[in-house]
Amino acid sequence: MIEVGTTAPDFELDSQLADKSYSLAQFKGEKNVMLVFYPLDWTPN
C-alpha cells in the first residue's frame, strides 16, 4: 500500500486516443495527474 504523500515512481503509458506516449515526469510540478483503470462493461466478475 502506498502511503499518502509518497512520490509515485515515473512510468510511461501509450495514449489510446493519439499516436503518442506520456510519462508521469512530464507533468511533475505542472499539473495534477489521476490514473484510472476502468474494466470494460462486458468484463466478467
C-alpha atoms as a PDB file:
ATOM      1  CA  MET A   1       0.000   0.000   0.000  1.00  0.00           C
ATOM      2  CA  ILE A   2       1.333   3.421  -0.899  1.00  0.00           C
ATOM      3  CA  GLU A   3       1.218   5.933   1.925  1.00  0.00           C
ATOM      4  CA  VAL A   4      -0.283   9.400   1.452  1.00  0.00           C
ATOM      5  CA  GLY A   5       2.431  11.847   0.394  1.00  0.00           C
ATOM      6  CA  THR A   6       4.654   9.184  -1.188  1.00  0.00           C
ATOM      7  CA  THR A   7       6.127  10.232  -4.537  1.00  0.00           C
ATOM      8  CA  ALA A   8       4.919   7.992  -7.346  1.00  0.00           C
ATOM      9  CA  PRO A   9       7.572   6.281  -9.461  1.00  0.00           C
ATOM     10  CA  ASP A  10       7.939   7.523 -13.024  1.00  0.00           C
ATOM     11  CA  PHE A  11       6.277   5.439 -15.734  1.00  0.00           C
ATOM     12  CA  GLU A  12       5.235   5.842 -19.354  1.00  0.00           C
ATOM     13  CA  LEU A  13       1.908   4.931 -20.987  1.00  0.00           C
ATOM     14  CA  ASP A  14       0.782   4.967 -24.610  1.00  0.00           C
ATOM     15  CA  SER A  15      -2.241   7.088 -25.461  1.00  0.00           C
ATOM     16  CA  GLN A  16      -5.314   5.280 -26.741  1.00  0.00           C
ATOM     17  CA  LEU A  17      -6.510   8.453 -28.480  1.00  0.00           C
ATOM     18  CA  ALA A  18      -3.352   9.565 -30.314  1.00  0.00           C
ATOM     19  CA  ASP A  19      -0.086   8.105 -31.551  1.00  0.00           C
ATOM     20  CA  LYS A  20       1.742   9.457 -28.516  1.00  0.00           C
ATOM     21  CA  SER A  21       3.007   8.377 -25.113  1.00  0.00           C
ATOM     22  CA  TYR A  22       3.001  10.214 -21.807  1.00  0.00           C
ATOM     23  CA  SER A  23       5.253   9.917 -18.778  1.00  0.00           C
ATOM     24  CA  LEU A  24       4.451  10.932 -15.237  1.00  0.00           C
ATOM     25  CA  ALA A  25       7.648  13.001 -15.084  1.00  0.00           C
ATOM     26  CA  GLN A  26       6.496  15.347 -17.850  1.00  0.00           C
ATOM     27  CA  PHE A  27       3.642  16.583 -15.617  1.00  0.00           C
ATOM     28  CA  LYS A  28       5.646  16.948 -12.380  1.00  0.00           C
ATOM     29  CA  GLY A  29       5.147  20.418 -10.932  1.00  0.00           C
ATOM     30  CA  GLU A  30       2.863  21.384 -13.835  1.00  0.00           C
ATOM     31  CA  LYS A  31      -0.433  19.519 -13.468  1.00  0.00           C
ATOM     32  CA  ASN A  32      -2.212  17.064 -11.210  1.00  0.00           C
ATOM     33  CA  VAL A  33      -2.451  13.536 -12.609  1.00  0.00           C
ATOM     34  CA  MET A  34      -5.157  10.980 -11.911  1.00  0.00           C
ATOM     35  CA  LEU A  35      -4.759   7.471 -13.287  1.00  0.00           C
ATOM     36  CA  VAL A  36      -7.975   5.458 -13.600  1.00  0.00           C
ATOM     37  CA  PHE A  37      -8.354   1.831 -14.623  1.00  0.00           C
ATOM     38  CA  TYR A  38     -11.794   1.046 -15.996  1.00  0.00           C
ATOM     39  CA  PRO A  39     -12.658  -2.578 -16.739  1.00  0.00           C
ATOM     40  CA  LEU A  40     -14.834  -2.881 -19.799  1.00  0.00           C
ATOM     41  CA  ASP A  41     -18.561  -3.226 -19.244  1.00  0.00           C
ATOM     42  CA  TRP A  42     -18.580  -6.755 -20.615  1.00  0.00           C
ATOM     43  CA  THR A  43     -15.738  -7.994 -18.383  1.00  0.00           C
ATOM     44  CA  PRO A  44     -16.982 -10.908 -16.253  1.00  0.00           C
ATOM     45  CA  ASN A  45     -16.889 -10.536 -12.468  1.00  0.00           C
END
